[in-house]
Amino acid sequence: MDHDRSWAALARDVLGVLPALVGADAPRITADIHRALAASSRPGGAEELRRVLYADARVRSWIQSRPGRDQERDTSPGNSGYQGLAGGGFAAAVPAPRYVCRTPGCTSTDSWIRGFMGDPVPRCSVCTRVLSRETQ
């Protein structure tokens, strides 16, 4: 049962970042997650919720890049996840780099936001090349 609750908590976390994560696809994915959350109390519902959360590559990548429960990080909606150093207040917040597939001819819409500098950049789910840093 705790495992089922953790999938539900993860789904609620995803709902908070969906617009920034998937853009125009957010309403469709939000509806899918809400349907799966409503069904999660039934037998096998947690598996359905897991399937819905992993259906979109961008959401799956965000889930896989999340820190463990023992690591604290500010993941409130609209926040990059970085926290300033205590006491100083000297530096402004630095936006987290976003990575996308830039392979010519690739139809992937994968994107990934680096949460920590040491995180390895994932590969595109379509062409399997390493995602490239998005220019702004």
N, C-alpha and C. Protein backbone atom coordinates (compact mmCIF):
# COMPACT_ATOMS: atom_id res chain seq x y z
N MET A 1 0.82 -1.19 0.00
CA MET A 1 0.00 0.00 0.00
C MET A 1 0.87 1.25 0.00
N ASP A 2 2.01 1.25 0.71
CA ASP A 2 2.89 2.41 0.70
C ASP A 2 3.40 2.70 -0.70
N HIS A 3 3.67 1.63 -1.46
CA HIS A 3 4.13 1.78 -2.83
C HIS A 3 3.05 2.48 -3.66
N ASP A 4 1.78 2.12 -3.46
CA ASP A 4 0.67 2.76 -4.16
C ASP A 4 0.60 4.23 -3.82
N ARG A 5 0.79 4.57 -2.55
CA ARG A 5 0.76 5.97 -2.13
C ARG A 5 1.92 6.75 -2.72
N SER A 6 3.08 6.11 -2.87
CA SER A 6 4.21 6.83 -3.43
C SER A 6 3.97 7.16 -4.90
N TRP A 7 3.28 6.29 -5.64
CA TRP A 7 2.93 6.59 -7.04
C TRP A 7 1.95 7.75 -7.09
N ALA A 8 1.00 7.78 -6.16
CA ALA A 8 0.02 8.87 -6.12
C ALA A 8 0.72 10.19 -5.76
N ALA A 9 1.66 10.16 -4.82
CA ALA A 9 2.39 11.37 -4.45
C ALA A 9 3.24 11.85 -5.63
N LEU A 10 3.86 10.93 -6.33
CA LEU A 10 4.65 11.28 -7.50
C LEU A 10 3.77 11.91 -8.57
N ALA A 11 2.57 11.35 -8.77
CA ALA A 11 1.64 11.91 -9.76
C ALA A 11 1.27 13.34 -9.40
N ARG A 12 1.03 13.60 -8.12
CA ARG A 12 0.69 14.97 -7.70
C ARG A 12 1.87 15.92 -7.92
N ASP A 13 3.09 15.44 -7.70
CA ASP A 13 4.28 16.26 -7.97
C ASP A 13 4.38 16.59 -9.46
N VAL A 14 4.13 15.59 -10.29
CA VAL A 14 4.20 15.79 -11.74
C VAL A 14 3.17 16.82 -12.19
N LEU A 15 1.97 16.75 -11.63
CA LEU A 15 0.91 17.69 -12.01
C LEU A 15 1.35 19.14 -11.79
N GLY A 16 2.15 19.39 -10.78
CA GLY A 16 2.61 20.74 -10.49
C GLY A 16 3.58 21.31 -11.50
N VAL A 17 4.30 20.45 -12.23
CA VAL A 17 5.30 20.93 -13.18
C VAL A 17 4.94 20.66 -14.64
N LEU A 18 3.79 20.04 -14.88
CA LEU A 18 3.42 19.65 -16.25
C LEU A 18 3.43 20.79 -17.25
N PRO A 19 2.83 21.96 -16.98
CA PRO A 19 2.84 23.01 -18.00
C PRO A 19 4.24 23.39 -18.46
N ALA A 20 5.18 23.51 -17.54
CA ALA A 20 6.55 23.86 -17.92
C ALA A 20 7.25 22.69 -18.58
N LEU A 21 6.86 21.50 -18.23
CA LEU A 21 7.54 20.29 -18.71
C LEU A 21 7.09 19.89 -20.12
N VAL A 22 5.79 19.94 -20.40
CA VAL A 22 5.29 19.42 -21.67
C VAL A 22 4.53 20.45 -22.50
N GLY A 23 4.41 21.67 -22.01
CA GLY A 23 3.78 22.74 -22.80
C GLY A 23 2.33 22.46 -23.16
N ALA A 24 2.03 22.48 -24.45
CA ALA A 24 0.66 22.35 -24.94
C ALA A 24 0.05 20.98 -24.66
N ASP A 25 0.87 19.98 -24.39
CA ASP A 25 0.36 18.64 -24.09
C ASP A 25 -0.12 18.51 -22.65
N ALA A 26 0.09 19.53 -21.83
CA ALA A 26 -0.24 19.46 -20.41
C ALA A 26 -1.71 19.12 -20.13
N PRO A 27 -2.71 19.71 -20.81
CA PRO A 27 -4.10 19.37 -20.50
C PRO A 27 -4.42 17.89 -20.74
N ARG A 28 -3.91 17.33 -21.83
CA ARG A 28 -4.16 15.92 -22.13
C ARG A 28 -3.52 15.01 -21.09
N ILE A 29 -2.27 15.27 -20.75
CA ILE A 29 -1.55 14.44 -19.79
C ILE A 29 -2.15 14.61 -18.40
N THR A 30 -2.56 15.84 -18.06
CA THR A 30 -3.21 16.09 -16.77
C THR A 30 -4.48 15.26 -16.65
N ALA A 31 -5.30 15.24 -17.70
CA ALA A 31 -6.53 14.45 -17.68
C ALA A 31 -6.23 12.96 -17.51
N ASP A 32 -5.21 12.47 -18.20
CA ASP A 32 -4.82 11.05 -18.07
C ASP A 32 -4.39 10.74 -16.64
N ILE A 33 -3.60 11.63 -16.03
CA ILE A 33 -3.13 11.41 -14.66
C ILE A 33 -4.30 11.44 -13.68
N HIS A 34 -5.21 12.39 -13.85
CA HIS A 34 -6.37 12.47 -12.95
C HIS A 34 -7.23 11.20 -13.05
N ARG A 35 -7.42 10.70 -14.27
CA ARG A 35 -8.18 9.44 -14.45
C ARG A 35 -7.49 8.29 -13.73
N ALA A 36 -6.16 8.21 -13.89
CA ALA A 36 -5.40 7.12 -13.26
C ALA A 36 -5.39 7.27 -11.74
N LEU A 37 -5.32 8.51 -11.24
CA LEU A 37 -5.38 8.73 -9.80
C LEU A 37 -6.73 8.27 -9.23
N ALA A 38 -7.80 8.56 -9.95
CA ALA A 38 -9.13 8.15 -9.49
C ALA A 38 -9.24 6.63 -9.46
N ALA A 39 -8.58 5.96 -10.38
CA ALA A 39 -8.64 4.51 -10.45
C ALA A 39 -7.58 3.83 -9.59
N SER A 40 -6.68 4.60 -8.98
CA SER A 40 -5.56 3.99 -8.27
C SER A 40 -5.96 3.25 -7.00
N SER A 41 -7.16 3.48 -6.50
CA SER A 41 -7.59 2.76 -5.29
C SER A 41 -8.06 1.34 -5.62
N ARG A 42 -8.33 1.07 -6.88
CA ARG A 42 -8.75 -0.28 -7.29
C ARG A 42 -7.53 -1.19 -7.41
N PRO A 43 -7.74 -2.51 -7.36
CA PRO A 43 -6.62 -3.43 -7.56
C PRO A 43 -5.98 -3.20 -8.93
N GLY A 44 -4.67 -3.10 -8.95
CA GLY A 44 -3.94 -2.85 -10.19
C GLY A 44 -3.91 -1.38 -10.59
N GLY A 45 -4.53 -0.53 -9.80
CA GLY A 45 -4.59 0.89 -10.12
C GLY A 45 -3.23 1.57 -10.09
N ALA A 46 -2.37 1.14 -9.18
CA ALA A 46 -1.04 1.74 -9.08
C ALA A 46 -0.23 1.45 -10.35
N GLU A 47 -0.42 0.28 -10.92
CA GLU A 47 0.28 -0.06 -12.16
C GLU A 47 -0.22 0.81 -13.31
N GLU A 48 -1.51 1.06 -13.35
CA GLU A 48 -2.07 1.95 -14.38
C GLU A 48 -1.51 3.36 -14.21
N LEU A 49 -1.41 3.82 -12.99
CA LEU A 49 -0.85 5.15 -12.71
C LEU A 49 0.60 5.21 -13.16
N ARG A 50 1.37 4.17 -12.87
CA ARG A 50 2.77 4.10 -13.31
C ARG A 50 2.85 4.14 -14.84
N ARG A 51 1.98 3.41 -15.50
CA ARG A 51 1.98 3.37 -16.96
C ARG A 51 1.68 4.75 -17.54
N VAL A 52 0.72 5.47 -16.96
CA VAL A 52 0.37 6.80 -17.44
C VAL A 52 1.53 7.77 -17.22
N LEU A 53 2.18 7.69 -16.07
CA LEU A 53 3.30 8.58 -15.77
C LEU A 53 4.49 8.34 -16.69
N TYR A 54 4.68 7.10 -17.12
CA TYR A 54 5.82 6.78 -17.97
C TYR A 54 5.48 6.81 -19.46
N ALA A 55 4.24 7.15 -19.83
CA ALA A 55 3.83 7.14 -21.23
C ALA A 55 4.51 8.24 -22.04
N ASP A 56 4.73 9.41 -21.47
CA ASP A 56 5.37 10.51 -22.18
C ASP A 56 6.85 10.56 -21.80
N ALA A 57 7.72 10.64 -22.79
CA ALA A 57 9.17 10.60 -22.55
C ALA A 57 9.63 11.77 -21.68
N ARG A 58 9.01 12.94 -21.83
CA ARG A 58 9.43 14.11 -21.04
C ARG A 58 9.09 13.93 -19.57
N VAL A 59 7.91 13.38 -19.30
CA VAL A 59 7.50 13.13 -17.91
C VAL A 59 8.37 12.03 -17.32
N ARG A 60 8.58 10.97 -18.10
CA ARG A 60 9.42 9.85 -17.65
C ARG A 60 10.83 10.34 -17.31
N SER A 61 11.39 11.21 -18.16
CA SER A 61 12.73 11.74 -17.92
C SER A 61 12.76 12.58 -16.65
N TRP A 62 11.71 13.38 -16.42
CA TRP A 62 11.64 14.20 -15.20
C TRP A 62 11.58 13.32 -13.97
N ILE A 63 10.78 12.26 -14.04
CA ILE A 63 10.64 11.34 -12.90
C ILE A 63 11.98 10.67 -12.61
N GLN A 64 12.65 10.22 -13.66
CA GLN A 64 13.91 9.51 -13.48
C GLN A 64 15.02 10.43 -13.00
N SER A 65 14.90 11.73 -13.23
CA SER A 65 15.94 12.65 -12.80
C SER A 65 15.70 13.22 -11.41
N ARG A 66 14.58 12.86 -10.78
CA ARG A 66 14.27 13.37 -9.43
C ARG A 66 15.22 12.80 -8.41
N PRO A 67 15.55 13.57 -7.39
CA PRO A 67 16.39 13.04 -6.31
C PRO A 67 15.60 12.05 -5.45
N GLY A 68 16.31 11.25 -4.68
CA GLY A 68 15.65 10.30 -3.78
C GLY A 68 14.96 11.01 -2.63
N ARG A 69 14.20 10.26 -1.85
CA ARG A 69 13.46 10.85 -0.72
C ARG A 69 14.38 11.46 0.32
N ASP A 70 15.61 10.95 0.43
CA ASP A 70 16.50 11.44 1.47
C ASP A 70 17.18 12.75 1.07
N GLN A 71 17.04 13.17 -0.17
CA GLN A 71 17.63 14.42 -0.62
C GLN A 71 16.53 15.47 -0.70
N GLU A 72 16.80 16.63 -0.14
CA GLU A 72 15.81 17.71 -0.17
C GLU A 72 16.14 18.65 -1.32
N ARG A 73 15.11 19.08 -2.00
CA ARG A 73 15.28 19.99 -3.11
C ARG A 73 13.98 20.75 -3.31
N ASP A 74 14.05 22.02 -3.65
CA ASP A 74 12.86 22.82 -3.87
C ASP A 74 12.33 22.55 -5.27
N THR A 75 11.24 21.82 -5.37
CA THR A 75 10.65 21.49 -6.66
C THR A 75 9.27 22.10 -6.80
N SER A 76 9.04 23.23 -6.14
CA SER A 76 7.75 23.88 -6.26
C SER A 76 7.55 24.34 -7.70
N PRO A 77 6.29 24.46 -8.14
CA PRO A 77 6.03 24.86 -9.52
C PRO A 77 6.73 26.17 -9.87
N GLY A 78 7.35 26.20 -11.03
CA GLY A 78 8.03 27.40 -11.48
C GLY A 78 9.43 27.56 -10.94
N ASN A 79 9.89 26.64 -10.11
CA ASN A 79 11.22 26.75 -9.54
C ASN A 79 12.15 25.82 -10.28
N SER A 80 13.40 26.22 -10.44
CA SER A 80 14.37 25.43 -11.19
C SER A 80 14.88 24.25 -10.39
N GLY A 81 14.72 24.27 -9.07
CA GLY A 81 15.24 23.18 -8.26
C GLY A 81 16.53 23.53 -7.57
N TYR A 82 17.19 24.61 -7.98
CA TYR A 82 18.43 25.01 -7.34
C TYR A 82 18.12 25.84 -6.10
N GLN A 83 18.93 25.69 -5.08
CA GLN A 83 18.79 26.49 -3.87
C GLN A 83 20.07 27.27 -3.65
N GLY A 84 19.92 28.52 -3.24
CA GLY A 84 21.10 29.34 -2.97
C GLY A 84 21.83 28.89 -1.73
N LEU A 85 23.08 29.30 -1.61
CA LEU A 85 23.86 28.97 -0.43
C LEU A 85 23.36 29.77 0.75
N ALA A 86 23.40 29.19 1.92
CA ALA A 86 22.92 29.85 3.12
C ALA A 86 23.80 31.04 3.49
N GLY A 87 23.16 32.12 3.92
CA GLY A 87 23.88 33.25 4.47
C GLY A 87 24.33 34.30 3.48
N GLY A 88 24.79 33.95 2.32
CA GLY A 88 25.37 34.93 1.40
C GLY A 88 24.37 35.86 0.76
N GLY A 89 23.51 35.35 -0.06
CA GLY A 89 22.58 36.17 -0.80
C GLY A 89 23.29 37.00 -1.87
N PHE A 90 24.51 36.65 -2.24
CA PHE A 90 25.30 37.42 -3.19
C PHE A 90 24.88 37.15 -4.63
N ALA A 91 24.65 35.92 -4.95
CA ALA A 91 24.38 35.55 -6.33
C ALA A 91 22.90 35.37 -6.58
N ALA A 92 22.49 35.73 -7.78
CA ALA A 92 21.10 35.52 -8.19
C ALA A 92 20.92 34.05 -8.57
N ALA A 93 19.70 33.61 -8.60
CA ALA A 93 19.41 32.23 -8.98
C ALA A 93 19.82 32.00 -10.43
N VAL A 94 20.36 30.83 -10.70
CA VAL A 94 20.78 30.46 -12.04
C VAL A 94 19.75 29.48 -12.59
N PRO A 95 19.23 29.75 -13.78
CA PRO A 95 18.24 28.82 -14.33
C PRO A 95 18.89 27.48 -14.67
N ALA A 96 18.13 26.43 -14.50
CA ALA A 96 18.63 25.09 -14.81
C ALA A 96 18.69 24.92 -16.32
N PRO A 97 19.77 24.33 -16.84
CA PRO A 97 19.87 24.13 -18.28
C PRO A 97 18.86 23.10 -18.77
N ARG A 98 18.31 23.34 -19.95
CA ARG A 98 17.34 22.44 -20.57
C ARG A 98 18.01 21.78 -21.78
N TYR A 99 17.75 20.51 -21.96
CA TYR A 99 18.35 19.73 -23.04
C TYR A 99 17.26 19.19 -23.95
N VAL A 100 17.51 19.23 -25.26
CA VAL A 100 16.56 18.75 -26.27
C VAL A 100 17.33 17.96 -27.33
N CYS A 101 16.58 17.23 -28.16
CA CYS A 101 17.22 16.50 -29.25
C CYS A 101 17.35 17.44 -30.45
N ARG A 102 18.57 17.56 -30.96
CA ARG A 102 18.83 18.43 -32.11
C ARG A 102 19.27 17.64 -33.33
N THR A 103 19.10 16.35 -33.32
CA THR A 103 19.50 15.53 -34.44
C THR A 103 18.64 15.87 -35.66
N PRO A 104 19.25 16.24 -36.79
CA PRO A 104 18.46 16.56 -37.98
C PRO A 104 17.59 15.37 -38.38
N GLY A 105 16.32 15.63 -38.62
CA GLY A 105 15.40 14.59 -39.05
C GLY A 105 14.75 13.80 -37.92
N CYS A 106 15.20 13.99 -36.69
CA CYS A 106 14.62 13.26 -35.55
C CYS A 106 13.28 13.91 -35.19
N THR A 107 12.27 13.11 -34.96
CA THR A 107 10.92 13.61 -34.66
C THR A 107 10.65 13.69 -33.17
N SER A 108 11.64 13.48 -32.36
CA SER A 108 11.47 13.46 -30.91
C SER A 108 11.11 14.84 -30.35
N THR A 109 10.26 14.82 -29.33
CA THR A 109 9.95 16.05 -28.59
C THR A 109 10.52 15.95 -27.17
N ASP A 110 11.48 15.05 -26.97
CA ASP A 110 12.09 14.87 -25.66
C ASP A 110 12.75 16.16 -25.18
N SER A 111 12.60 16.44 -23.90
CA SER A 111 13.35 17.52 -23.28
C SER A 111 13.63 17.10 -21.85
N TRP A 112 14.70 17.65 -21.29
CA TRP A 112 15.12 17.28 -19.95
C TRP A 112 15.75 18.49 -19.30
N ILE A 113 15.47 18.71 -18.02
CA ILE A 113 16.04 19.82 -17.28
C ILE A 113 17.02 19.26 -16.25
N ARG A 114 18.25 19.73 -16.33
CA ARG A 114 19.28 19.25 -15.41
C ARG A 114 19.04 19.83 -14.03
N GLY A 115 18.92 18.96 -13.04
CA GLY A 115 18.69 19.39 -11.67
C GLY A 115 19.98 19.60 -10.89
N PHE A 116 21.00 18.81 -11.20
CA PHE A 116 22.29 18.91 -10.52
C PHE A 116 23.39 18.82 -11.56
N MET A 117 24.48 19.53 -11.35
CA MET A 117 25.56 19.58 -12.34
C MET A 117 26.13 18.20 -12.67
N GLY A 118 26.14 17.29 -11.76
CA GLY A 118 26.71 15.98 -12.02
C GLY A 118 25.77 15.00 -12.71
N ASP A 119 24.51 15.38 -12.91
CA ASP A 119 23.56 14.46 -13.55
C ASP A 119 23.96 14.20 -15.00
N PRO A 120 24.01 12.93 -15.42
CA PRO A 120 24.32 12.63 -16.82
C PRO A 120 23.14 13.00 -17.71
N VAL A 121 23.44 13.52 -18.88
CA VAL A 121 22.40 13.91 -19.83
C VAL A 121 21.85 12.65 -20.49
N PRO A 122 20.51 12.49 -20.51
CA PRO A 122 19.93 11.28 -21.09
C PRO A 122 19.98 11.28 -22.62
N ARG A 123 19.65 10.15 -23.18
CA ARG A 123 19.61 10.00 -24.63
C ARG A 123 18.20 10.20 -25.15
N CYS A 124 18.09 10.57 -26.40
CA CYS A 124 16.80 10.74 -27.07
C CYS A 124 16.10 9.39 -27.15
N SER A 125 14.81 9.39 -26.91
CA SER A 125 14.06 8.13 -26.95
C SER A 125 13.80 7.64 -28.38
N VAL A 126 14.03 8.50 -29.38
CA VAL A 126 13.79 8.12 -30.77
C VAL A 126 15.10 7.73 -31.47
N CYS A 127 16.07 8.67 -31.50
CA CYS A 127 17.32 8.41 -32.24
C CYS A 127 18.45 7.91 -31.35
N THR A 128 18.26 7.90 -30.05
CA THR A 128 19.19 7.42 -29.02
C THR A 128 20.49 8.23 -28.91
N ARG A 129 20.56 9.40 -29.51
CA ARG A 129 21.73 10.27 -29.32
C ARG A 129 21.55 11.08 -28.04
N VAL A 130 22.65 11.52 -27.47
CA VAL A 130 22.61 12.31 -26.24
C VAL A 130 21.93 13.64 -26.55
N LEU A 131 21.03 14.08 -25.66
CA LEU A 131 20.35 15.34 -25.85
C LEU A 131 21.35 16.49 -25.78
N SER A 132 21.06 17.59 -26.49
CA SER A 132 21.94 18.76 -26.54
C SER A 132 21.37 19.91 -25.73
N ARG A 133 22.23 20.75 -25.24
CA ARG A 133 21.77 21.91 -24.45
C ARG A 133 21.00 22.86 -25.36
N GLU A 134 19.84 23.28 -24.87
CA GLU A 134 18.98 24.18 -25.63
C GLU A 134 19.55 25.59 -25.59
N THR A 135 19.60 26.26 -26.73
CA THR A 135 20.07 27.65 -26.76
C THR A 135 18.88 28.56 -26.53
N GLN A 136 19.15 29.70 -25.93
CA GLN A 136 18.03 30.59 -25.59
C GLN A 136 18.12 31.89 -26.30
